[in-house]
Structures are given as C-alpha cells and as structure tokens.
Amino acid sequence: MNVLIPSNLADYTGHEHRVTASGATLAEALADLDRRYPGIRFRIVSEQDRIRRHVKIFVNREQAKRLDAPLAARDEIMIVCALSGG
C-alpha cells in the first residue's frame, strides 16, 4: 500500500514523501515502515501503543483512530502531524 509521509518525518525516509508498506492492520503497516525506516514509528505511536495525539492517520481519506484498523493491499495511508511553535 502507499503511505504518504509528511515533511517533518521525511528525514526518516530519505526525503521520500510517498513510500510503500505492507500489513493486514495499521499496526503491522507501521511496524513494516519502522523496519524499512528505523525510528519513524516512535514519532507516530506512543509507548502505550496509541497513535500520538498530535498525529492523525487517514486510511483512504477516513481517519483511523486505532492501530488495529484493518488494511487492504490497495489502501492509501496518509500521516498528518500537527505543527506547533510560536
């Protein structure tokens, strides 16, 4: 499946904004991403295995609220991170 990577995480993917991942669930796809791009999962998922509160993940343009969300091979995952600062 295709995964759209936001600019603030592109350092992990060699500045690629579109990568691929595989897995039957969102958790498996994020684990696959982390195998390919070490450290990226920690920026998306907390130590309690929850999507971080400043991160939104969309599967086929619908927000996924849980890591056990099922996926299909042709799904598109979009990761969106809130920006803050002053």
C-alpha atoms as a PDB file:
ATOM      1  CA  MET A   1       0.000   0.000   0.000  1.00  0.00           C
ATOM      2  CA  ASN A   2       1.074   3.595  -0.471  1.00  0.00           C
ATOM      3  CA  VAL A   3       1.959   5.702   2.547  1.00  0.00           C
ATOM      4  CA  LEU A   4       2.096   9.492   2.305  1.00  0.00           C
ATOM      5  CA  ILE A   5       4.775  10.881   4.606  1.00  0.00           C
ATOM      6  CA  PRO A   6       4.599  14.452   5.943  1.00  0.00           C
ATOM      7  CA  SER A   7       7.588  16.757   5.536  1.00  0.00           C
ATOM      8  CA  ASN A   8       8.518  16.627   9.214  1.00  0.00           C
ATOM      9  CA  LEU A   9       9.019  12.836   9.011  1.00  0.00           C
ATOM     10  CA  ALA A  10      10.693  12.761   5.589  1.00  0.00           C
ATOM     11  CA  ASP A  11      14.182  12.679   7.141  1.00  0.00           C
ATOM     12  CA  TYR A  12      13.429   9.079   8.125  1.00  0.00           C
ATOM     13  CA  THR A  13      12.533   8.087   4.558  1.00  0.00           C
ATOM     14  CA  GLY A  14      15.429   9.738   2.768  1.00  0.00           C
ATOM     15  CA  HIS A  15      13.142  12.678   1.933  1.00  0.00           C
ATOM     16  CA  GLU A  16      10.664  10.464   0.098  1.00  0.00           C
ATOM     17  CA  HIS A  17       7.087  11.636   0.617  1.00  0.00           C
ATOM     18  CA  ARG A  18       5.480   8.518  -0.847  1.00  0.00           C
ATOM     19  CA  VAL A  19       6.664   5.103   0.296  1.00  0.00           C
ATOM     20  CA  THR A  20       5.158   1.623   0.471  1.00  0.00           C
ATOM     21  CA  ALA A  21       4.321  -0.636   3.385  1.00  0.00           C
ATOM     22  CA  SER A  22       2.571  -3.924   3.923  1.00  0.00           C
ATOM     23  CA  GLY A  23       0.445  -5.371   6.676  1.00  0.00           C
ATOM     24  CA  ALA A  24      -3.063  -6.556   7.462  1.00  0.00           C
ATOM     25  CA  THR A  25      -3.574  -3.815  10.063  1.00  0.00           C
ATOM     26  CA  LEU A  26      -2.368  -0.274  10.593  1.00  0.00           C
ATOM     27  CA  ALA A  27      -0.082  -1.533  13.396  1.00  0.00           C
ATOM     28  CA  GLU A  28       1.525  -4.048  11.039  1.00  0.00           C
ATOM     29  CA  ALA A  29       1.992  -1.424   8.328  1.00  0.00           C
ATOM     30  CA  LEU A  30       3.657   0.965  10.792  1.00  0.00           C
ATOM     31  CA  ALA A  31       5.902  -1.866  12.014  1.00  0.00           C
ATOM     32  CA  ASP A  32       6.857  -2.564   8.399  1.00  0.00           C
ATOM     33  CA  LEU A  33       7.646   1.122   7.900  1.00  0.00           C
ATOM     34  CA  ASP A  34       9.839   1.038  11.003  1.00  0.00           C
ATOM     35  CA  ARG A  35      11.770  -1.962   9.663  1.00  0.00           C
ATOM     36  CA  ARG A  36      12.465  -0.029   6.452  1.00  0.00           C
ATOM     37  CA  TYR A  37      12.917   3.383   8.090  1.00  0.00           C
ATOM     38  CA  PRO A  38      14.122   2.839  11.678  1.00  0.00           C
ATOM     39  CA  GLY A  39      12.730   5.268  14.240  1.00  0.00           C
ATOM     40  CA  ILE A  40       9.732   6.516  12.267  1.00  0.00           C
ATOM     41  CA  ARG A  41       7.164   4.508  14.256  1.00  0.00           C
ATOM     42  CA  PHE A  42       8.188   6.139  17.539  1.00  0.00           C
ATOM     43  CA  ARG A  43       7.270   9.538  16.072  1.00  0.00           C
ATOM     44  CA  ILE A  44       3.785   8.237  15.207  1.00  0.00           C
ATOM     45  CA  VAL A  45       2.962   5.785  18.015  1.00  0.00           C
ATOM     46  CA  SER A  46       3.413   6.322  21.763  1.00  0.00           C
ATOM     47  CA  GLU A  47       4.986   3.951  24.269  1.00  0.00           C
ATOM     48  CA  GLN A  48       1.423   2.880  25.168  1.00  0.00           C
ATOM     49  CA  ASP A  49       0.859   1.712  21.555  1.00  0.00           C
ATOM     50  CA  ARG A  50      -1.549   4.534  20.728  1.00  0.00           C
ATOM     51  CA  ILE A  51      -1.476   6.997  17.892  1.00  0.00           C
ATOM     52  CA  ARG A  52       0.179  10.120  19.296  1.00  0.00           C
ATOM     53  CA  ARG A  53      -2.277  12.923  19.997  1.00  0.00           C
ATOM     54  CA  HIS A  54      -0.584  15.340  17.590  1.00  0.00           C
ATOM     55  CA  VAL A  55      -0.711  12.761  14.762  1.00  0.00           C
ATOM     56  CA  LYS A  56      -3.692  11.914  12.579  1.00  0.00           C
ATOM     57  CA  ILE A  57      -3.677   8.915  10.283  1.00  0.00           C
ATOM     58  CA  PHE A  58      -6.083   8.592   7.391  1.00  0.00           C
ATOM     59  CA  VAL A  59      -6.786   5.381   5.516  1.00  0.00           C
ATOM     60  CA  ASN A  60      -8.420   6.120   2.178  1.00  0.00           C
ATOM     61  CA  ARG A  61      -9.208   9.628   3.472  1.00  0.00           C
ATOM     62  CA  GLU A  62     -11.022   8.361   6.570  1.00  0.00           C
ATOM     63  CA  GLN A  63      -9.405   8.957   9.946  1.00  0.00           C
ATOM     64  CA  ALA A  64      -8.130   5.809  11.627  1.00  0.00           C
ATOM     65  CA  LYS A  65      -8.433   6.055  15.384  1.00  0.00           C
ATOM     66  CA  ARG A  66      -6.988   2.660  16.271  1.00  0.00           C
ATOM     67  CA  LEU A  67      -3.903   0.714  15.335  1.00  0.00           C
ATOM     68  CA  ASP A  68      -5.912  -2.465  14.790  1.00  0.00           C
ATOM     69  CA  ALA A  69      -7.735  -0.879  11.829  1.00  0.00           C
ATOM     70  CA  PRO A  70      -7.773  -3.450   9.008  1.00  0.00           C
ATOM     71  CA  LEU A  71      -5.993  -2.658   5.756  1.00  0.00           C
ATOM     72  CA  ALA A  72      -6.084  -3.951   2.194  1.00  0.00           C
ATOM     73  CA  ALA A  73      -3.202  -4.018  -0.273  1.00  0.00           C
ATOM     74  CA  ARG A  74      -4.591  -1.107  -2.320  1.00  0.00           C
ATOM     75  CA  ASP A  75      -5.278   1.198   0.622  1.00  0.00           C
ATOM     76  CA  GLU A  76      -3.589   4.561   0.919  1.00  0.00           C
ATOM     77  CA  ILE A  77      -2.337   5.745   4.295  1.00  0.00           C
ATOM     78  CA  MET A  78      -1.765   9.433   4.924  1.00  0.00           C
ATOM     79  CA  ILE A  79       0.083  10.532   8.057  1.00  0.00           C
ATOM     80  CA  VAL A  80      -0.540  14.103   9.192  1.00  0.00           C
ATOM     81  CA  CYS A  81       1.388  15.718  12.040  1.00  0.00           C
ATOM     82  CA  ALA A  82       0.300  18.905  13.752  1.00  0.00           C
ATOM     83  CA  LEU A  83       2.845  21.684  13.750  1.00  0.00           C
ATOM     84  CA  SER A  84       3.327  23.969  16.710  1.00  0.00           C
ATOM     85  CA  GLY A  85       5.553  26.765  17.696  1.00  0.00           C
ATOM     86  CA  GLY A  86       5.465  30.423  18.323  1.00  0.00           C
END
